[in-house]
Amino acid sequence: MKFFTYLLGTAVLLTISMSSSAQKYKTPADTGKLNVEYAKVQNKIADLTSKLNTAQNDLPAYQTRAVNAGNDAQTAAAISDTSATKARSGNLQDSKDAKKSADDAYNKAKDARTANNNVGKQNEKIRKLTADLKEQRQKLKDLDVMRAAINAQLPPK
């Protein structure tokens, strides 16, 4: 029972100390530092927004390339299949053409896979930028709260 009481008391003290030290800027003397950090966060938000817009604008081009590469790969595979069927007749030139066609189909399939991977990477980039932007906006809100707390301490003019 003593241990439980001690543990509960420690938890309460830690909670109180964490909430009271959560604000980084507390006094009117901290206003200069607050303003500097506020400007940095605003600049970071502008930078992230710009990068996010660029990434979102580039996404359709990546998707179009992936679709086109997939179509090219399917076409090459069909041609390769036709060449392979023709090569079964036993003609040496047809066999060489079939091998060349198969190599081409394989290379186009690799290109299609790369294009699809690029779409995935672009989607991941957008997701990461969105998360970073959300985090910076929250930081800006926290700085606004700190600024309001400091302004509340100042005497009215």
C-alpha atoms as a PDB file:
ATOM      1  CA  MET A   1       0.000   0.000   0.000  1.00  0.00           C
ATOM      2  CA  LYS A   2       2.863   2.377   0.818  1.00  0.00           C
ATOM      3  CA  PHE A   3       4.467   1.635  -2.528  1.00  0.00           C
ATOM      4  CA  PHE A   4       1.242   2.381  -4.384  1.00  0.00           C
ATOM      5  CA  THR A   5       0.832   5.702  -2.533  1.00  0.00           C
ATOM      6  CA  TYR A   6       4.450   6.614  -3.261  1.00  0.00           C
ATOM      7  CA  LEU A   7       4.017   5.703  -6.943  1.00  0.00           C
ATOM      8  CA  LEU A   8       0.788   7.703  -7.230  1.00  0.00           C
ATOM      9  CA  GLY A   9       2.386  10.740  -5.547  1.00  0.00           C
ATOM     10  CA  THR A  10       5.368  10.567  -7.905  1.00  0.00           C
ATOM     11  CA  ALA A  11       3.102  10.311 -10.945  1.00  0.00           C
ATOM     12  CA  VAL A  12       1.075  13.347  -9.836  1.00  0.00           C
ATOM     13  CA  LEU A  13       4.224  15.419  -9.228  1.00  0.00           C
ATOM     14  CA  LEU A  14       5.666  14.456 -12.611  1.00  0.00           C
ATOM     15  CA  THR A  15       2.423  15.364 -14.352  1.00  0.00           C
ATOM     16  CA  ILE A  16       2.292  18.755 -12.661  1.00  0.00           C
ATOM     17  CA  SER A  17       5.944  19.519 -13.350  1.00  0.00           C
ATOM     18  CA  MET A  18       5.639  18.517 -17.025  1.00  0.00           C
ATOM     19  CA  SER A  19       2.580  20.661 -17.618  1.00  0.00           C
ATOM     20  CA  SER A  20       4.117  23.677 -15.918  1.00  0.00           C
ATOM     21  CA  SER A  21       7.349  23.369 -17.888  1.00  0.00           C
ATOM     22  CA  ALA A  22       5.613  22.712 -21.196  1.00  0.00           C
ATOM     23  CA  GLN A  23       5.791  26.340 -22.192  1.00  0.00           C
ATOM     24  CA  LYS A  24       9.185  27.287 -23.452  1.00  0.00           C
ATOM     25  CA  TYR A  25       8.605  31.043 -23.370  1.00  0.00           C
ATOM     26  CA  LYS A  26       6.921  32.330 -20.236  1.00  0.00           C
ATOM     27  CA  THR A  27       7.972  35.891 -19.461  1.00  0.00           C
ATOM     28  CA  PRO A  28       7.870  39.169 -21.397  1.00  0.00           C
ATOM     29  CA  ALA A  29      11.682  38.981 -21.567  1.00  0.00           C
ATOM     30  CA  ASP A  30      11.304  35.892 -23.770  1.00  0.00           C
ATOM     31  CA  THR A  31       9.349  37.804 -26.432  1.00  0.00           C
ATOM     32  CA  GLY A  32      12.388  38.336 -28.658  1.00  0.00           C
ATOM     33  CA  LYS A  33      13.261  34.632 -28.692  1.00  0.00           C
ATOM     34  CA  LEU A  34       9.608  33.768 -29.266  1.00  0.00           C
ATOM     35  CA  ASN A  35       9.420  36.107 -32.252  1.00  0.00           C
ATOM     36  CA  VAL A  36      12.584  34.614 -33.776  1.00  0.00           C
ATOM     37  CA  GLU A  37      11.266  31.063 -33.433  1.00  0.00           C
ATOM     38  CA  TYR A  38       7.854  32.163 -34.712  1.00  0.00           C
ATOM     39  CA  ALA A  39       9.467  33.572 -37.874  1.00  0.00           C
ATOM     40  CA  LYS A  40      11.508  30.395 -38.365  1.00  0.00           C
ATOM     41  CA  VAL A  41       8.406  28.219 -38.059  1.00  0.00           C
ATOM     42  CA  GLN A  42       6.483  30.433 -40.492  1.00  0.00           C
ATOM     43  CA  ASN A  43       9.332  30.200 -43.002  1.00  0.00           C
ATOM     44  CA  LYS A  44       9.469  26.431 -42.576  1.00  0.00           C
ATOM     45  CA  ILE A  45       5.711  26.215 -43.170  1.00  0.00           C
ATOM     46  CA  ALA A  46       6.041  28.294 -46.345  1.00  0.00           C
ATOM     47  CA  ASP A  47       8.905  26.085 -47.548  1.00  0.00           C
ATOM     48  CA  LEU A  48       7.028  22.850 -46.797  1.00  0.00           C
ATOM     49  CA  THR A  49       3.880  24.186 -48.482  1.00  0.00           C
ATOM     50  CA  SER A  50       5.885  25.027 -51.596  1.00  0.00           C
ATOM     51  CA  LYS A  51       7.505  21.578 -51.670  1.00  0.00           C
ATOM     52  CA  LEU A  52       4.133  19.895 -51.099  1.00  0.00           C
ATOM     53  CA  ASN A  53       2.514  21.825 -53.956  1.00  0.00           C
ATOM     54  CA  THR A  54       5.382  20.907 -56.271  1.00  0.00           C
ATOM     55  CA  ALA A  55       5.171  17.245 -55.299  1.00  0.00           C
ATOM     56  CA  GLN A  56       1.396  17.180 -55.780  1.00  0.00           C
ATOM     57  CA  ASN A  57       1.709  18.885 -59.163  1.00  0.00           C
ATOM     58  CA  ASP A  58       4.362  16.367 -60.274  1.00  0.00           C
ATOM     59  CA  LEU A  59       2.296  13.332 -59.253  1.00  0.00           C
ATOM     60  CA  PRO A  60       0.044  13.204 -62.358  1.00  0.00           C
ATOM     61  CA  ALA A  61       3.121  13.154 -64.614  1.00  0.00           C
ATOM     62  CA  TYR A  62       4.529  10.203 -62.662  1.00  0.00           C
ATOM     63  CA  GLN A  63       1.179   8.407 -62.886  1.00  0.00           C
ATOM     64  CA  THR A  64       0.959   9.018 -66.639  1.00  0.00           C
ATOM     65  CA  ARG A  65       4.486   7.672 -67.135  1.00  0.00           C
ATOM     66  CA  ALA A  66       3.597   4.581 -65.104  1.00  0.00           C
ATOM     67  CA  VAL A  67       0.455   3.915 -67.145  1.00  0.00           C
ATOM     68  CA  ASN A  68       2.297   4.444 -70.427  1.00  0.00           C
ATOM     69  CA  ALA A  69       5.171   2.199 -69.332  1.00  0.00           C
ATOM     70  CA  GLY A  70       2.679  -0.496 -68.314  1.00  0.00           C
ATOM     71  CA  ASN A  71       0.955  -0.288 -71.688  1.00  0.00           C
ATOM     72  CA  ASP A  72       4.305  -0.443 -73.485  1.00  0.00           C
ATOM     73  CA  ALA A  73       5.280  -3.502 -71.457  1.00  0.00           C
ATOM     74  CA  GLN A  74       2.010  -5.267 -72.284  1.00  0.00           C
ATOM     75  CA  THR A  75       2.416  -4.491 -75.975  1.00  0.00           C
ATOM     76  CA  ALA A  76       6.018  -5.718 -75.937  1.00  0.00           C
ATOM     77  CA  ALA A  77       4.963  -8.900 -74.147  1.00  0.00           C
ATOM     78  CA  ALA A  78       2.291  -9.575 -76.780  1.00  0.00           C
ATOM     79  CA  ILE A  79       4.805  -9.018 -79.595  1.00  0.00           C
ATOM     80  CA  SER A  80       7.273 -11.297 -77.825  1.00  0.00           C
ATOM     81  CA  ASP A  81       4.623 -13.987 -77.536  1.00  0.00           C
ATOM     82  CA  THR A  82       3.874 -13.700 -81.250  1.00  0.00           C
ATOM     83  CA  SER A  83       7.584 -13.874 -82.099  1.00  0.00           C
ATOM     84  CA  ALA A  84       8.053 -16.909 -79.875  1.00  0.00           C
ATOM     85  CA  THR A  85       5.152 -18.678 -81.572  1.00  0.00           C
ATOM     86  CA  LYS A  86       6.615 -17.861 -84.959  1.00  0.00           C
ATOM     87  CA  ALA A  87      10.081 -19.075 -83.860  1.00  0.00           C
ATOM     88  CA  ARG A  88       8.765 -22.549 -83.164  1.00  0.00           C
ATOM     89  CA  SER A  89       8.752 -23.155 -86.881  1.00  0.00           C
ATOM     90  CA  GLY A  90      12.511 -23.757 -86.640  1.00  0.00           C
ATOM     91  CA  ASN A  91      13.844 -20.832 -88.670  1.00  0.00           C
ATOM     92  CA  LEU A  92      17.051 -19.436 -87.108  1.00  0.00           C
ATOM     93  CA  GLN A  93      16.218 -15.795 -87.926  1.00  0.00           C
ATOM     94  CA  ASP A  94      12.801 -16.156 -86.306  1.00  0.00           C
ATOM     95  CA  SER A  95      14.503 -17.479 -83.163  1.00  0.00           C
ATOM     96  CA  LYS A  96      16.856 -14.508 -83.076  1.00  0.00           C
ATOM     97  CA  ASP A  97      13.931 -12.123 -83.554  1.00  0.00           C
ATOM     98  CA  ALA A  98      12.051 -13.864 -80.754  1.00  0.00           C
ATOM     99  CA  LYS A  99      15.023 -13.479 -78.390  1.00  0.00           C
ATOM    100  CA  LYS A 100      15.367  -9.814 -79.275  1.00  0.00           C
ATOM    101  CA  SER A 101      11.650  -9.326 -78.756  1.00  0.00           C
ATOM    102  CA  ALA A 102      11.781 -11.125 -75.393  1.00  0.00           C
ATOM    103  CA  ASP A 103      14.689  -8.957 -74.250  1.00  0.00           C
ATOM    104  CA  ASP A 104      12.770  -5.853 -75.292  1.00  0.00           C
ATOM    105  CA  ALA A 105       9.676  -7.034 -73.389  1.00  0.00           C
ATOM    106  CA  TYR A 106      11.779  -7.725 -70.302  1.00  0.00           C
ATOM    107  CA  ASN A 107      13.363  -4.267 -70.422  1.00  0.00           C
ATOM    108  CA  LYS A 108       9.966  -2.602 -70.832  1.00  0.00           C
ATOM    109  CA  ALA A 109       8.612  -4.594 -67.897  1.00  0.00           C
ATOM    110  CA  LYS A 110      11.518  -3.325 -65.766  1.00  0.00           C
ATOM    111  CA  ASP A 111      10.777   0.225 -66.929  1.00  0.00           C
ATOM    112  CA  ALA A 112       7.126  -0.206 -65.930  1.00  0.00           C
ATOM    113  CA  ARG A 113       8.137  -1.466 -62.495  1.00  0.00           C
ATOM    114  CA  THR A 114      10.494   1.498 -62.047  1.00  0.00           C
ATOM    115  CA  ALA A 115       7.746   3.923 -63.086  1.00  0.00           C
ATOM    116  CA  ASN A 116       5.336   2.365 -60.568  1.00  0.00           C
ATOM    117  CA  ASN A 117       7.999   2.570 -57.859  1.00  0.00           C
ATOM    118  CA  ASN A 118       8.460   6.254 -58.673  1.00  0.00           C
ATOM    119  CA  VAL A 119       4.725   6.838 -58.188  1.00  0.00           C
ATOM    120  CA  GLY A 120       4.963   5.129 -54.799  1.00  0.00           C
ATOM    121  CA  LYS A 121       7.970   7.236 -53.822  1.00  0.00           C
ATOM    122  CA  GLN A 122       6.157  10.412 -54.846  1.00  0.00           C
ATOM    123  CA  ASN A 123       3.108   9.405 -52.792  1.00  0.00           C
ATOM    124  CA  GLU A 124       5.373   8.731 -49.808  1.00  0.00           C
ATOM    125  CA  LYS A 125       7.044  12.114 -50.278  1.00  0.00           C
ATOM    126  CA  ILE A 126       3.630  13.809 -50.280  1.00  0.00           C
ATOM    127  CA  ARG A 127       2.614  11.913 -47.145  1.00  0.00           C
ATOM    128  CA  LYS A 128       5.818  12.893 -45.337  1.00  0.00           C
ATOM    129  CA  LEU A 129       5.561  16.542 -46.359  1.00  0.00           C
ATOM    130  CA  THR A 130       1.931  16.625 -45.213  1.00  0.00           C
ATOM    131  CA  ALA A 131       2.889  15.181 -41.824  1.00  0.00           C
ATOM    132  CA  ASP A 132       5.773  17.655 -41.445  1.00  0.00           C
ATOM    133  CA  LEU A 133       3.479  20.532 -42.389  1.00  0.00           C
ATOM    134  CA  LYS A 134       0.898  19.425 -39.824  1.00  0.00           C
ATOM    135  CA  GLU A 135       3.616  19.265 -37.165  1.00  0.00           C
ATOM    136  CA  GLN A 136       4.895  22.764 -37.986  1.00  0.00           C
ATOM    137  CA  ARG A 137       1.360  24.193 -37.933  1.00  0.00           C
ATOM    138  CA  GLN A 138       0.847  22.674 -34.497  1.00  0.00           C
ATOM    139  CA  LYS A 139       4.118  24.217 -33.350  1.00  0.00           C
ATOM    140  CA  LEU A 140       2.899  27.589 -34.647  1.00  0.00           C
ATOM    141  CA  LYS A 141      -0.339  27.193 -32.679  1.00  0.00           C
ATOM    142  CA  ASP A 142       1.682  26.390 -29.547  1.00  0.00           C
ATOM    143  CA  LEU A 143       3.768  29.521 -30.091  1.00  0.00           C
ATOM    144  CA  ASP A 144       0.561  31.539 -30.462  1.00  0.00           C
ATOM    145  CA  VAL A 145      -0.616  30.200 -27.101  1.00  0.00           C
ATOM    146  CA  MET A 146       2.711  31.162 -25.535  1.00  0.00           C
ATOM    147  CA  ARG A 147       2.485  34.620 -27.073  1.00  0.00           C
ATOM    148  CA  ALA A 148      -1.028  35.072 -25.692  1.00  0.00           C
ATOM    149  CA  ALA A 149       0.141  33.967 -22.228  1.00  0.00           C
ATOM    150  CA  ILE A 150       2.994  36.485 -22.323  1.00  0.00           C
ATOM    151  CA  ASN A 151       0.678  39.256 -23.536  1.00  0.00           C
ATOM    152  CA  ALA A 152      -1.695  38.467 -20.676  1.00  0.00           C
ATOM    153  CA  GLN A 153       1.153  39.183 -18.234  1.00  0.00           C
ATOM    154  CA  LEU A 154       1.810  42.646 -19.670  1.00  0.00           C
ATOM    155  CA  PRO A 155       0.068  45.604 -18.027  1.00  0.00           C
ATOM    156  CA  PRO A 156      -2.689  47.238 -20.103  1.00  0.00           C
ATOM    157  CA  LYS A 157      -1.690  50.336 -22.044  1.00  0.00           C
END
